[in-house]
Amino acid sequence: VPAPKTGVRENPTSDVMYETADKEATGTSAKPVSMRSEKFTLTSEDQAAYGNKSYFIIVGSFSSNENAGRFKQELVQQGFKPIILHSETGYYRVCVDSFNDETTARSRVQSIRTNYTKYSDCWLLIKK
């Protein structure tokens, strides 16, 4: 007889966390912040500025670097300072902000979702 399965996964690729502070403040439940941990590469110029960061806010993922570049230009026109991360999965992740602190990163995700509703599906990428 096989042992019962537990609810804990080894090496999860994506986890969903809830923002309880927003729930308490507004009385409603906040949309979960999706998180994923991946290895990725930065351009040499971005490596110097962002290589020491751990949490990256992703607003777009593309299989083509050209499409990621076009989206990056749109974000620049909206006042963001985006960078492109080349993920181990082959996707080009367009990042609009990065942090060393998870709580600050989560707060920024909520701020982007509130102020830029078209990016309400933004998520956190954690550097492996």
N, C-alpha and C. Protein backbone atom coordinates (compact mmCIF):
# COMPACT_ATOMS: atom_id res chain seq x y z
N VAL A 1 0.86 -1.18 0.00
CA VAL A 1 0.00 0.00 0.00
C VAL A 1 0.90 1.23 0.00
N PRO A 2 0.70 2.13 -1.00
CA PRO A 2 1.54 3.33 -1.04
C PRO A 2 1.19 4.28 0.10
N ALA A 3 2.20 5.00 0.56
CA ALA A 3 2.01 5.97 1.63
C ALA A 3 1.17 7.14 1.11
N PRO A 4 0.37 7.74 1.96
CA PRO A 4 -0.44 8.89 1.50
C PRO A 4 0.47 10.06 1.13
N LYS A 5 0.04 10.81 0.12
CA LYS A 5 0.82 11.97 -0.32
C LYS A 5 0.59 13.13 0.62
N THR A 6 1.64 13.87 0.87
CA THR A 6 1.52 15.07 1.70
C THR A 6 1.25 16.26 0.79
N GLY A 7 0.85 17.37 1.38
CA GLY A 7 0.58 18.58 0.60
C GLY A 7 1.82 19.37 0.27
N VAL A 8 2.98 18.94 0.72
CA VAL A 8 4.22 19.67 0.48
C VAL A 8 4.90 19.10 -0.75
N ARG A 9 5.27 20.01 -1.67
CA ARG A 9 5.95 19.59 -2.90
C ARG A 9 7.44 19.81 -2.75
N GLU A 10 8.21 18.87 -3.26
CA GLU A 10 9.65 19.08 -3.32
C GLU A 10 9.93 19.99 -4.50
N ASN A 11 10.79 20.97 -4.32
CA ASN A 11 11.20 21.88 -5.39
C ASN A 11 10.02 22.49 -6.14
N PRO A 12 9.13 23.21 -5.48
CA PRO A 12 8.01 23.81 -6.20
C PRO A 12 8.53 24.83 -7.20
N THR A 13 7.85 24.93 -8.35
CA THR A 13 8.27 25.90 -9.36
C THR A 13 7.50 27.20 -9.24
N SER A 14 6.35 27.18 -8.56
CA SER A 14 5.58 28.40 -8.41
C SER A 14 4.73 28.28 -7.15
N ASP A 15 4.70 29.30 -6.37
CA ASP A 15 3.89 29.33 -5.17
C ASP A 15 3.05 30.58 -5.17
N VAL A 16 1.91 30.52 -4.53
CA VAL A 16 1.02 31.66 -4.44
C VAL A 16 0.96 32.09 -2.98
N MET A 17 1.19 33.36 -2.75
CA MET A 17 1.16 33.90 -1.41
C MET A 17 0.09 35.00 -1.39
N TYR A 18 -0.50 35.27 -0.25
CA TYR A 18 -1.54 36.27 -0.14
C TYR A 18 -1.06 37.46 0.68
N GLU A 19 -1.52 38.62 0.29
CA GLU A 19 -1.16 39.86 0.96
C GLU A 19 -2.16 40.12 2.08
N THR A 20 -1.87 39.69 3.30
CA THR A 20 -2.80 39.85 4.40
C THR A 20 -2.92 41.31 4.83
N ALA A 21 -1.89 42.09 4.68
CA ALA A 21 -1.96 43.50 5.08
C ALA A 21 -3.03 44.22 4.27
N ASP A 22 -3.10 43.96 2.96
CA ASP A 22 -4.11 44.59 2.12
C ASP A 22 -5.51 44.13 2.52
N LYS A 23 -5.64 42.86 2.85
CA LYS A 23 -6.93 42.32 3.25
C LYS A 23 -7.42 43.03 4.51
N GLU A 24 -6.52 43.20 5.46
CA GLU A 24 -6.89 43.85 6.71
C GLU A 24 -7.22 45.32 6.48
N ALA A 25 -6.47 45.97 5.62
CA ALA A 25 -6.66 47.41 5.40
C ALA A 25 -7.96 47.70 4.64
N THR A 26 -8.28 46.85 3.66
CA THR A 26 -9.43 47.14 2.81
C THR A 26 -10.66 46.33 3.16
N GLY A 27 -10.49 45.25 3.94
CA GLY A 27 -11.61 44.40 4.26
C GLY A 27 -11.93 43.41 3.15
N THR A 28 -11.13 43.41 2.09
CA THR A 28 -11.33 42.46 0.99
C THR A 28 -10.06 41.67 0.80
N SER A 29 -10.19 40.55 0.14
CA SER A 29 -8.98 39.74 -0.07
C SER A 29 -8.24 40.25 -1.30
N ALA A 30 -6.94 40.37 -1.18
CA ALA A 30 -6.10 40.83 -2.28
C ALA A 30 -5.80 39.68 -3.22
N LYS A 31 -5.52 40.03 -4.46
CA LYS A 31 -5.13 39.02 -5.44
C LYS A 31 -3.79 38.43 -5.01
N PRO A 32 -3.64 37.12 -5.10
CA PRO A 32 -2.37 36.51 -4.68
C PRO A 32 -1.20 36.98 -5.54
N VAL A 33 -0.04 37.04 -4.93
CA VAL A 33 1.19 37.40 -5.65
C VAL A 33 1.87 36.09 -6.04
N SER A 34 1.92 35.83 -7.30
CA SER A 34 2.57 34.62 -7.79
C SER A 34 4.08 34.82 -7.73
N MET A 35 4.77 33.75 -7.34
CA MET A 35 6.23 33.80 -7.24
C MET A 35 6.81 32.58 -7.94
N ARG A 36 7.97 32.78 -8.55
CA ARG A 36 8.68 31.69 -9.21
C ARG A 36 10.17 31.92 -9.03
N SER A 37 10.90 30.85 -8.84
CA SER A 37 12.34 30.94 -8.70
C SER A 37 13.00 30.35 -9.94
N GLU A 38 13.88 31.13 -10.57
CA GLU A 38 14.56 30.71 -11.80
C GLU A 38 15.98 31.26 -11.82
N LYS A 39 16.80 30.61 -12.60
CA LYS A 39 18.10 31.17 -12.94
C LYS A 39 17.90 32.00 -14.20
N PHE A 40 18.65 33.08 -14.31
CA PHE A 40 18.55 33.93 -15.50
C PHE A 40 19.84 34.69 -15.68
N THR A 41 20.00 35.27 -16.86
CA THR A 41 21.17 36.09 -17.14
C THR A 41 20.74 37.52 -17.43
N LEU A 42 21.63 38.43 -17.12
CA LEU A 42 21.44 39.85 -17.38
C LEU A 42 22.49 40.30 -18.39
N THR A 43 22.23 41.39 -19.09
CA THR A 43 23.28 41.96 -19.93
C THR A 43 24.39 42.46 -19.02
N SER A 44 25.58 42.65 -19.56
CA SER A 44 26.71 43.08 -18.72
C SER A 44 26.44 44.43 -18.06
N GLU A 45 25.76 45.34 -18.76
CA GLU A 45 25.47 46.65 -18.15
C GLU A 45 24.41 46.52 -17.05
N ASP A 46 23.43 45.65 -17.24
CA ASP A 46 22.42 45.43 -16.21
C ASP A 46 22.97 44.64 -15.03
N GLN A 47 23.94 43.78 -15.28
CA GLN A 47 24.55 42.97 -14.22
C GLN A 47 25.15 43.86 -13.15
N ALA A 48 25.81 44.93 -13.56
CA ALA A 48 26.44 45.83 -12.60
C ALA A 48 25.40 46.50 -11.70
N ALA A 49 24.27 46.88 -12.27
CA ALA A 49 23.25 47.60 -11.50
C ALA A 49 22.29 46.68 -10.75
N TYR A 50 21.99 45.50 -11.30
CA TYR A 50 20.94 44.65 -10.73
C TYR A 50 21.41 43.26 -10.30
N GLY A 51 22.67 42.94 -10.51
CA GLY A 51 23.17 41.60 -10.23
C GLY A 51 23.11 41.18 -8.77
N ASN A 52 23.05 42.16 -7.87
CA ASN A 52 23.00 41.83 -6.45
C ASN A 52 21.58 41.76 -5.90
N LYS A 53 20.57 41.97 -6.74
CA LYS A 53 19.17 41.94 -6.31
C LYS A 53 18.65 40.51 -6.31
N SER A 54 17.60 40.27 -5.53
CA SER A 54 17.05 38.92 -5.40
C SER A 54 15.62 38.79 -5.91
N TYR A 55 14.82 39.86 -5.85
CA TYR A 55 13.41 39.83 -6.23
C TYR A 55 13.18 40.78 -7.40
N PHE A 56 12.58 40.26 -8.47
CA PHE A 56 12.37 41.02 -9.69
C PHE A 56 10.89 41.00 -10.05
N ILE A 57 10.32 42.17 -10.30
CA ILE A 57 8.90 42.27 -10.66
C ILE A 57 8.77 42.14 -12.17
N ILE A 58 8.07 41.10 -12.59
CA ILE A 58 7.92 40.77 -14.01
C ILE A 58 6.54 41.20 -14.50
N VAL A 59 6.52 41.96 -15.60
CA VAL A 59 5.24 42.38 -16.19
C VAL A 59 5.01 41.75 -17.56
N GLY A 60 6.01 41.07 -18.10
CA GLY A 60 5.83 40.40 -19.39
C GLY A 60 6.88 39.33 -19.61
N SER A 61 6.47 38.26 -20.32
CA SER A 61 7.38 37.17 -20.67
C SER A 61 7.20 36.87 -22.15
N PHE A 62 8.31 36.76 -22.86
CA PHE A 62 8.26 36.57 -24.30
C PHE A 62 9.23 35.49 -24.73
N SER A 63 8.87 34.76 -25.77
CA SER A 63 9.78 33.75 -26.31
C SER A 63 10.77 34.40 -27.28
N SER A 64 10.49 35.63 -27.69
CA SER A 64 11.34 36.36 -28.62
C SER A 64 11.96 37.58 -27.94
N ASN A 65 13.28 37.72 -28.06
CA ASN A 65 13.96 38.87 -27.50
C ASN A 65 13.49 40.16 -28.17
N GLU A 66 13.18 40.10 -29.46
CA GLU A 66 12.71 41.28 -30.18
C GLU A 66 11.39 41.78 -29.61
N ASN A 67 10.45 40.86 -29.33
CA ASN A 67 9.17 41.26 -28.75
C ASN A 67 9.35 41.82 -27.34
N ALA A 68 10.25 41.22 -26.57
CA ALA A 68 10.55 41.74 -25.24
C ALA A 68 11.12 43.15 -25.35
N GLY A 69 11.97 43.38 -26.34
CA GLY A 69 12.55 44.71 -26.56
C GLY A 69 11.51 45.74 -26.92
N ARG A 70 10.54 45.37 -27.76
CA ARG A 70 9.47 46.30 -28.12
C ARG A 70 8.62 46.65 -26.89
N PHE A 71 8.31 45.63 -26.08
CA PHE A 71 7.53 45.86 -24.87
C PHE A 71 8.31 46.75 -23.89
N LYS A 72 9.61 46.52 -23.82
CA LYS A 72 10.47 47.34 -22.96
C LYS A 72 10.36 48.81 -23.35
N GLN A 73 10.36 49.10 -24.65
CA GLN A 73 10.25 50.49 -25.12
C GLN A 73 8.91 51.10 -24.72
N GLU A 74 7.82 50.32 -24.79
CA GLU A 74 6.51 50.82 -24.36
C GLU A 74 6.55 51.20 -22.88
N LEU A 75 7.21 50.37 -22.08
CA LEU A 75 7.29 50.62 -20.65
C LEU A 75 8.12 51.87 -20.34
N VAL A 76 9.17 52.11 -21.11
CA VAL A 76 9.98 53.31 -20.93
C VAL A 76 9.11 54.55 -21.14
N GLN A 77 8.24 54.51 -22.15
CA GLN A 77 7.36 55.65 -22.43
C GLN A 77 6.34 55.87 -21.31
N GLN A 78 6.10 54.84 -20.49
CA GLN A 78 5.16 54.96 -19.37
C GLN A 78 5.88 55.34 -18.07
N GLY A 79 7.20 55.58 -18.15
CA GLY A 79 7.94 56.04 -16.99
C GLY A 79 8.69 54.95 -16.23
N PHE A 80 8.62 53.71 -16.69
CA PHE A 80 9.36 52.63 -16.05
C PHE A 80 10.81 52.63 -16.54
N LYS A 81 11.66 51.92 -15.81
CA LYS A 81 13.05 51.69 -16.22
C LYS A 81 13.25 50.18 -16.34
N PRO A 82 12.68 49.59 -17.38
CA PRO A 82 12.67 48.12 -17.48
C PRO A 82 14.01 47.53 -17.93
N ILE A 83 14.20 46.28 -17.54
CA ILE A 83 15.34 45.50 -18.02
C ILE A 83 14.80 44.15 -18.49
N ILE A 84 15.59 43.46 -19.30
CA ILE A 84 15.20 42.14 -19.80
C ILE A 84 16.11 41.09 -19.18
N LEU A 85 15.49 40.06 -18.62
CA LEU A 85 16.21 38.94 -18.03
C LEU A 85 16.01 37.73 -18.94
N HIS A 86 17.07 37.04 -19.29
CA HIS A 86 16.95 35.83 -20.10
C HIS A 86 16.91 34.63 -19.16
N SER A 87 15.73 34.03 -19.04
CA SER A 87 15.49 32.95 -18.09
C SER A 87 16.06 31.63 -18.57
N GLU A 88 16.34 30.74 -17.60
CA GLU A 88 16.79 29.39 -17.92
C GLU A 88 15.72 28.62 -18.70
N THR A 89 14.48 29.09 -18.64
CA THR A 89 13.39 28.42 -19.36
C THR A 89 13.36 28.82 -20.83
N GLY A 90 14.17 29.80 -21.20
CA GLY A 90 14.21 30.27 -22.58
C GLY A 90 13.40 31.54 -22.81
N TYR A 91 12.63 31.94 -21.81
CA TYR A 91 11.82 33.15 -21.95
C TYR A 91 12.63 34.40 -21.62
N TYR A 92 12.21 35.50 -22.24
CA TYR A 92 12.77 36.81 -21.95
C TYR A 92 11.77 37.51 -21.03
N ARG A 93 12.17 37.70 -19.78
CA ARG A 93 11.30 38.30 -18.77
C ARG A 93 11.55 39.81 -18.73
N VAL A 94 10.48 40.58 -18.81
CA VAL A 94 10.61 42.04 -18.75
C VAL A 94 10.31 42.47 -17.31
N CYS A 95 11.33 43.02 -16.69
CA CYS A 95 11.31 43.40 -15.27
C CYS A 95 11.21 44.92 -15.16
N VAL A 96 10.36 45.41 -14.25
CA VAL A 96 10.21 46.85 -14.06
C VAL A 96 10.79 47.36 -12.75
N ASP A 97 11.15 46.44 -11.86
CA ASP A 97 11.74 46.87 -10.59
C ASP A 97 12.39 45.67 -9.92
N SER A 98 13.35 45.92 -9.04
CA SER A 98 14.03 44.81 -8.35
C SER A 98 14.38 45.24 -6.93
N PHE A 99 14.43 44.24 -6.04
CA PHE A 99 14.64 44.50 -4.62
C PHE A 99 15.45 43.38 -3.99
N ASN A 100 15.99 43.66 -2.82
CA ASN A 100 16.63 42.62 -2.01
C ASN A 100 15.69 42.12 -0.92
N ASP A 101 14.63 42.85 -0.66
CA ASP A 101 13.70 42.54 0.41
C ASP A 101 12.35 42.08 -0.17
N GLU A 102 11.87 40.92 0.25
CA GLU A 102 10.62 40.37 -0.29
C GLU A 102 9.42 41.24 0.07
N THR A 103 9.36 41.75 1.28
CA THR A 103 8.22 42.56 1.70
C THR A 103 8.10 43.82 0.85
N THR A 104 9.23 44.47 0.60
CA THR A 104 9.24 45.68 -0.24
C THR A 104 8.83 45.33 -1.66
N ALA A 105 9.31 44.21 -2.17
CA ALA A 105 8.96 43.78 -3.52
C ALA A 105 7.46 43.51 -3.63
N ARG A 106 6.90 42.84 -2.63
CA ARG A 106 5.46 42.55 -2.63
C ARG A 106 4.64 43.84 -2.58
N SER A 107 5.10 44.79 -1.81
CA SER A 107 4.42 46.08 -1.72
C SER A 107 4.42 46.78 -3.09
N ARG A 108 5.55 46.71 -3.78
CA ARG A 108 5.64 47.32 -5.11
C ARG A 108 4.74 46.61 -6.12
N VAL A 109 4.62 45.28 -6.03
CA VAL A 109 3.70 44.55 -6.90
C VAL A 109 2.28 45.08 -6.70
N GLN A 110 1.87 45.24 -5.45
CA GLN A 110 0.53 45.74 -5.17
C GLN A 110 0.35 47.17 -5.69
N SER A 111 1.38 47.98 -5.57
CA SER A 111 1.33 49.35 -6.07
C SER A 111 1.16 49.37 -7.59
N ILE A 112 1.91 48.53 -8.29
CA ILE A 112 1.79 48.46 -9.76
C ILE A 112 0.40 47.99 -10.14
N ARG A 113 -0.11 46.98 -9.45
CA ARG A 113 -1.45 46.46 -9.75
C ARG A 113 -2.51 47.53 -9.55
N THR A 114 -2.33 48.38 -8.55
CA THR A 114 -3.30 49.43 -8.27
C THR A 114 -3.20 50.57 -9.28
N ASN A 115 -1.98 51.00 -9.58
CA ASN A 115 -1.77 52.17 -10.43
C ASN A 115 -1.72 51.87 -11.93
N TYR A 116 -1.44 50.62 -12.29
CA TYR A 116 -1.36 50.21 -13.70
C TYR A 116 -2.16 48.92 -13.85
N THR A 117 -3.48 49.06 -13.93
CA THR A 117 -4.34 47.87 -13.92
C THR A 117 -4.06 46.91 -15.07
N LYS A 118 -3.50 47.40 -16.17
CA LYS A 118 -3.19 46.48 -17.27
C LYS A 118 -2.03 45.55 -16.92
N TYR A 119 -1.31 45.84 -15.84
CA TYR A 119 -0.24 44.96 -15.36
C TYR A 119 -0.64 44.25 -14.07
N SER A 120 -1.93 44.02 -13.91
CA SER A 120 -2.44 43.39 -12.68
C SER A 120 -2.00 41.94 -12.52
N ASP A 121 -1.43 41.37 -13.59
CA ASP A 121 -0.93 39.99 -13.49
C ASP A 121 0.58 39.94 -13.26
N CYS A 122 1.19 41.07 -12.86
CA CYS A 122 2.63 41.07 -12.60
C CYS A 122 2.94 40.10 -11.45
N TRP A 123 4.17 39.61 -11.44
CA TRP A 123 4.55 38.59 -10.46
C TRP A 123 6.01 38.76 -10.07
N LEU A 124 6.42 38.01 -9.05
CA LEU A 124 7.79 38.10 -8.53
C LEU A 124 8.64 36.95 -9.03
N LEU A 125 9.78 37.28 -9.56
CA LEU A 125 10.79 36.28 -9.94
C LEU A 125 11.89 36.35 -8.89
N ILE A 126 12.21 35.20 -8.31
CA ILE A 126 13.24 35.13 -7.29
C ILE A 126 14.48 34.50 -7.92
N LYS A 127 15.61 35.20 -7.79
CA LYS A 127 16.85 34.70 -8.37
C LYS A 127 17.30 33.44 -7.64
N LYS A 128 17.56 32.39 -8.42
CA LYS A 128 18.12 31.15 -7.86
C LYS A 128 19.59 31.30 -7.61
